[in-house]
Amino acid sequence: MRTNAVKAALKQGMPQVGTWLSLGNVVAARFLARAGFPWLTVDLEHSHTDIQTAAHMFAAIADAHTDCLPLARVPSARHDHIKRALDCGAMGVVVPMVMNGGEARMMVAATRYPPQGDRSVGGNLHALNADASPSVYYQRANNEILTVLQIEHIKAVEVADDITSVPGVDAIFVGPNDLAASMRAADGTPPTTDEFEAALAAIRQSCERHGVAPGLHVFSVEEAQQRIDQGWRFLALNSDLKFLLDAASAASRVFHPDRVSGDLAKY
């Protein structure tokens, strides 16, 4: 069975920088799996991608034979979403909007077969993507599945230690947009940079106290390096869509600078 190299590297404190797949495109997944990223996350929360397309994307990544790990960001913190993504061949999950330790324990349990958890036994694509027989997969999957929980609300930041201390959590991932939105004042005023950075620091420090890799979505190589220097270890750099738009707009700007939309950065 494939060894989860990302999980092993994070345990050793090594940064792992991947990217997000939001286009729901199997061909794009095949090519990006060969781009050198150690992991790719198929986004099932904020995209049109359905589970059948996701299954093909997981396979395209796993079959690249580049040791690139297929992950799924599931739609919400629910057992059935995790079960379906893993049974369809994801080698790990990113679970959004985990709010407390109780939810964290339930999400970890959903990624593990008994007696360590309550993941039900079934499916077929998981073993295929893991390069294992079903019997070997069932024996070893608990040790190889990457479990990433998202702390992305200020109320979850306030109880971060309850989440990061749950056994089986490999990494915490921060969605900066949702975190900032949860910190808005009653009149909609966004948090200051200092307030936002203090919340990020609180999450990172909680992860460090409990031996969990802190993770964050970043939007440039420079920002990724800055965050790695701060101690962040599981970083999503841009997305398939943003890489596409950045390269296309940079080229078109040379010839038609007046036609490039200033709104592209938001993607």
Protein backbone atom coordinates (compact mmCIF):
# COMPACT_ATOMS: atom_id res chain seq x y z
CA MET A 1 0.00 0.00 0.00
CA ARG A 2 1.17 3.52 -0.73
CA THR A 3 2.82 5.28 2.15
CA ASN A 4 1.31 8.70 2.81
CA ALA A 5 4.45 10.76 2.23
CA VAL A 6 2.70 14.04 3.09
CA LYS A 7 1.56 12.74 6.45
CA ALA A 8 5.06 11.44 7.21
CA ALA A 9 6.69 14.73 6.16
CA LEU A 10 4.33 16.81 8.29
CA LYS A 11 5.11 14.65 11.32
CA GLN A 12 8.78 15.47 10.74
CA GLY A 13 8.01 19.20 10.58
CA MET A 14 8.67 19.51 6.86
CA PRO A 15 6.57 22.04 4.87
CA GLN A 16 4.21 20.59 2.29
CA VAL A 17 2.93 23.06 -0.31
CA GLY A 18 0.14 21.95 -2.63
CA THR A 19 -2.76 23.58 -4.42
CA TRP A 20 -6.54 23.58 -4.67
CA LEU A 21 -8.56 22.11 -7.55
CA SER A 22 -11.74 24.12 -7.98
CA LEU A 23 -12.47 23.68 -11.69
CA GLY A 24 -13.69 20.10 -11.45
CA ASN A 25 -11.59 19.15 -14.46
CA VAL A 26 -10.06 15.67 -14.72
CA VAL A 27 -7.55 16.64 -17.41
CA ALA A 28 -6.29 19.58 -15.33
CA ALA A 29 -5.90 17.23 -12.37
CA ARG A 30 -3.86 14.79 -14.50
CA PHE A 31 -1.43 17.50 -15.56
CA LEU A 32 -1.16 19.23 -12.19
CA ALA A 33 -0.38 15.87 -10.56
CA ARG A 34 2.82 15.98 -12.64
CA ALA A 35 3.71 19.57 -11.73
CA GLY A 36 5.64 18.59 -8.61
CA PHE A 37 3.16 19.33 -5.82
CA PRO A 38 3.11 16.68 -3.08
CA TRP A 39 -0.66 16.98 -2.70
CA LEU A 40 -3.71 18.31 -4.55
CA THR A 41 -7.08 18.98 -2.91
CA VAL A 42 -10.28 18.52 -4.89
CA ASP A 43 -12.68 21.13 -3.53
CA LEU A 44 -16.17 19.73 -2.97
CA GLU A 45 -17.29 22.55 -0.69
CA HIS A 46 -17.17 25.68 -2.84
CA SER A 47 -17.31 24.26 -6.36
CA HIS A 48 -19.65 22.57 -8.81
CA THR A 49 -17.66 19.32 -8.67
CA ASP A 50 -19.81 16.25 -8.02
CA ILE A 51 -18.61 13.04 -6.39
CA GLN A 52 -18.32 11.10 -9.67
CA THR A 53 -16.06 13.75 -11.17
CA ALA A 54 -14.10 13.89 -7.94
CA ALA A 55 -13.56 10.12 -8.06
CA HIS A 56 -12.07 10.45 -11.55
CA MET A 57 -9.86 13.31 -10.32
CA PHE A 58 -8.61 11.30 -7.34
CA ALA A 59 -7.74 8.48 -9.75
CA ALA A 60 -6.00 10.82 -12.19
CA ILE A 61 -3.82 12.11 -9.36
CA ALA A 62 -3.11 8.69 -7.87
CA ASP A 63 -2.31 7.14 -11.26
CA ALA A 64 0.27 9.81 -12.09
CA HIS A 65 2.87 7.76 -10.17
CA THR A 66 4.51 10.96 -8.94
CA ASP A 67 3.72 10.40 -5.25
CA CYS A 68 1.16 13.20 -5.44
CA LEU A 69 -1.54 12.72 -2.83
CA PRO A 70 -5.24 13.14 -3.76
CA LEU A 71 -7.16 14.94 -1.02
CA ALA A 72 -10.80 16.04 -0.79
CA ARG A 73 -12.17 19.13 0.89
CA VAL A 74 -15.58 17.75 1.83
CA PRO A 75 -18.73 19.92 1.70
CA SER A 76 -19.20 20.08 5.48
CA ALA A 77 -18.25 18.41 8.75
CA ARG A 78 -20.38 15.29 8.28
CA HIS A 79 -19.55 11.61 8.58
CA ASP A 80 -21.21 10.66 5.28
CA HIS A 81 -19.25 13.27 3.31
CA ILE A 82 -15.96 11.95 4.70
CA LYS A 83 -16.90 8.31 4.12
CA ARG A 84 -17.88 8.92 0.52
CA ALA A 85 -14.75 10.90 -0.36
CA LEU A 86 -12.45 8.28 1.16
CA ASP A 87 -14.33 5.36 -0.41
CA CYS A 88 -14.05 7.09 -3.79
CA GLY A 89 -10.27 7.18 -3.51
CA ALA A 90 -9.16 10.29 -1.63
CA MET A 91 -6.14 9.61 0.56
CA GLY A 92 -7.13 12.30 3.02
CA VAL A 93 -9.77 14.87 3.81
CA VAL A 94 -9.92 18.55 4.64
CA VAL A 95 -12.98 19.18 6.82
CA PRO A 96 -14.37 22.74 6.87
CA MET A 97 -15.68 24.80 9.78
CA VAL A 98 -14.84 22.53 12.71
CA MET A 99 -15.98 24.49 15.75
CA ASN A 100 -14.98 22.50 18.85
CA GLY A 101 -13.31 19.41 20.25
CA GLY A 102 -16.44 17.30 20.07
CA GLU A 103 -16.78 17.90 16.34
CA ALA A 104 -13.07 17.26 15.89
CA ARG A 105 -13.33 13.85 17.57
CA MET A 106 -16.29 12.88 15.38
CA MET A 107 -14.46 13.90 12.21
CA VAL A 108 -11.33 11.97 13.15
CA ALA A 109 -13.45 8.90 13.96
CA ALA A 110 -15.07 9.13 10.52
CA THR A 111 -11.65 8.71 8.87
CA ARG A 112 -10.76 5.53 10.77
CA TYR A 113 -12.06 1.99 10.75
CA PRO A 114 -12.95 0.30 14.07
CA PRO A 115 -11.72 0.02 16.71
CA GLN A 116 -10.00 3.42 16.31
CA GLY A 117 -13.04 5.00 14.65
CA ASP A 118 -16.41 4.37 13.06
CA ARG A 119 -15.73 4.49 9.32
CA SER A 120 -17.85 1.79 7.70
CA VAL A 121 -16.25 -0.91 5.58
CA GLY A 122 -17.07 -0.78 1.88
CA GLY A 123 -16.17 0.72 -1.45
CA ASN A 124 -13.55 -0.29 -4.00
CA LEU A 125 -11.77 2.73 -5.43
CA HIS A 126 -9.91 3.46 -2.19
CA ALA A 127 -7.76 0.32 -2.42
CA LEU A 128 -7.12 0.87 -6.13
CA ASN A 129 -5.80 4.40 -5.56
CA ALA A 130 -3.74 3.22 -2.59
CA ASP A 131 -2.13 0.50 -4.72
CA ALA A 132 -3.30 -2.19 -2.34
CA SER A 133 -5.65 -5.14 -2.13
CA PRO A 134 -8.87 -4.42 -0.21
CA SER A 135 -7.73 -6.55 2.74
CA VAL A 136 -4.42 -4.69 3.00
CA TYR A 137 -6.20 -1.34 2.64
CA TYR A 138 -8.56 -2.13 5.52
CA GLN A 139 -5.60 -3.13 7.68
CA ARG A 140 -3.43 -0.10 6.97
CA ALA A 141 -5.70 2.79 6.00
CA ASN A 142 -5.99 4.10 9.56
CA ASN A 143 -2.26 4.81 9.53
CA GLU A 144 -2.16 6.40 6.07
CA ILE A 145 -5.21 8.65 5.75
CA LEU A 146 -4.39 12.34 6.23
CA THR A 147 -6.88 14.13 8.49
CA VAL A 148 -6.95 17.92 8.17
CA LEU A 149 -9.50 19.99 10.09
CA GLN A 150 -10.29 23.61 9.34
CA ILE A 151 -10.33 26.26 12.05
CA GLU A 152 -11.87 29.19 10.21
CA HIS A 153 -14.16 30.93 12.69
CA ILE A 154 -13.10 33.15 15.56
CA LYS A 155 -15.20 31.11 18.00
CA ALA A 156 -13.18 28.03 17.03
CA VAL A 157 -9.96 30.01 17.54
CA GLU A 158 -11.09 30.68 21.12
CA VAL A 159 -11.20 26.91 21.79
CA ALA A 160 -8.36 25.94 19.46
CA ASP A 161 -6.61 23.77 22.05
CA ASP A 162 -9.73 21.61 22.34
CA ILE A 163 -9.49 20.91 18.61
CA THR A 164 -5.74 20.60 18.09
CA SER A 165 -5.35 18.26 21.09
CA VAL A 166 -7.66 15.60 19.60
CA PRO A 167 -5.61 12.47 18.77
CA GLY A 168 -5.52 11.73 15.06
CA VAL A 169 -5.56 15.32 13.79
CA ASP A 170 -2.63 15.62 11.38
CA ALA A 171 -3.01 19.27 10.38
CA ILE A 172 -5.16 22.33 10.89
CA PHE A 173 -6.02 24.44 7.85
CA VAL A 174 -7.14 28.06 7.98
CA GLY A 175 -9.42 29.52 5.37
CA PRO A 176 -8.42 33.18 5.67
CA ASN A 177 -11.55 34.57 4.04
CA ASP A 178 -13.95 32.81 6.39
CA LEU A 179 -11.83 33.60 9.43
CA ALA A 180 -11.74 37.30 8.54
CA ALA A 181 -15.49 37.31 7.85
CA SER A 182 -16.19 35.82 11.28
CA MET A 183 -14.20 38.66 12.86
CA ARG A 184 -16.23 41.50 11.34
CA ALA A 185 -17.71 44.03 13.72
CA ALA A 186 -21.49 44.43 14.05
CA ASP A 187 -21.45 47.10 11.35
CA GLY A 188 -19.49 44.87 8.96
CA THR A 189 -16.10 46.49 9.56
CA PRO A 190 -13.39 43.89 8.85
CA PRO A 191 -10.70 43.09 11.42
CA THR A 192 -7.47 45.05 11.34
CA THR A 193 -4.34 43.38 10.06
CA ASP A 194 -3.02 43.13 13.60
CA GLU A 195 -6.23 41.50 14.84
CA PHE A 196 -6.23 39.02 12.00
CA GLU A 197 -2.56 38.13 12.44
CA ALA A 198 -3.13 37.66 16.18
CA ALA A 199 -5.87 35.10 15.41
CA LEU A 200 -3.55 33.29 12.99
CA ALA A 201 -0.78 33.28 15.59
CA ALA A 202 -3.14 31.80 18.18
CA ILE A 203 -4.02 28.94 15.82
CA ARG A 204 -0.39 28.28 14.89
CA GLN A 205 0.74 28.31 18.51
CA SER A 206 -2.04 25.91 19.50
CA CYS A 207 -0.92 23.53 16.74
CA GLU A 208 2.66 23.75 17.94
CA ARG A 209 1.63 22.94 21.52
CA HIS A 210 -0.05 19.74 20.42
CA GLY A 211 2.27 18.53 17.64
CA VAL A 212 -0.14 19.29 14.79
CA ALA A 213 0.94 20.87 11.49
CA PRO A 214 -0.53 24.39 11.07
CA GLY A 215 -1.87 25.13 7.60
CA LEU A 216 -3.02 28.17 5.64
CA HIS A 217 -4.17 29.19 2.15
CA VAL A 218 -1.73 31.64 0.54
CA PHE A 219 -1.70 33.46 -2.77
CA SER A 220 1.93 33.88 -3.81
CA VAL A 221 5.24 32.08 -3.55
CA GLU A 222 6.53 34.98 -1.48
CA GLU A 223 3.67 34.70 1.00
CA ALA A 224 4.15 30.94 1.21
CA GLN A 225 7.81 31.39 2.10
CA GLN A 226 6.96 34.06 4.67
CA ARG A 227 4.41 31.77 6.34
CA ILE A 228 6.82 28.82 6.31
CA ASP A 229 9.36 31.03 8.08
CA GLN A 230 6.70 31.74 10.71
CA GLY A 231 6.16 28.02 11.28
CA TRP A 232 3.26 27.14 8.98
CA ARG A 233 3.68 23.69 7.42
CA PHE A 234 0.63 22.70 5.34
CA LEU A 235 0.13 25.41 2.73
CA ALA A 236 -2.26 25.66 -0.21
CA LEU A 237 -0.78 27.93 -2.89
CA ASN A 238 -3.45 29.47 -5.12
CA SER A 239 -5.72 27.12 -7.08
CA ASP A 240 -5.98 25.68 -10.56
CA LEU A 241 -8.22 28.61 -11.52
CA LYS A 242 -5.93 31.29 -10.10
CA PHE A 243 -2.85 29.81 -11.77
CA LEU A 244 -4.77 29.84 -15.06
CA LEU A 245 -6.02 33.40 -14.69
CA ASP A 246 -2.69 34.77 -13.43
CA ALA A 247 -0.77 33.40 -16.41
CA ALA A 248 -3.42 34.37 -18.95
CA SER A 249 -3.89 37.91 -17.63
CA ALA A 250 -0.13 38.48 -17.42
CA ALA A 251 0.22 37.57 -21.09
CA SER A 252 -2.79 39.55 -22.28
CA ARG A 253 -1.73 42.60 -20.27
CA VAL A 254 1.32 42.97 -22.52
CA PHE A 255 -0.88 43.52 -25.57
CA HIS A 256 -4.22 44.70 -24.17
CA PRO A 257 -3.63 46.27 -20.75
CA ASP A 258 -6.97 48.10 -20.85
CA ARG A 259 -8.90 44.84 -21.15
CA VAL A 260 -7.61 43.06 -18.02
CA SER A 261 -10.14 43.07 -15.19
CA GLY A 262 -8.91 44.24 -11.84
CA ASP A 263 -11.29 41.74 -10.20
CA LEU A 264 -9.25 38.69 -11.19
CA ALA A 265 -7.31 38.73 -7.92
CA LYS A 266 -10.36 37.59 -5.97
CA TYR A 267 -10.28 34.16 -7.63
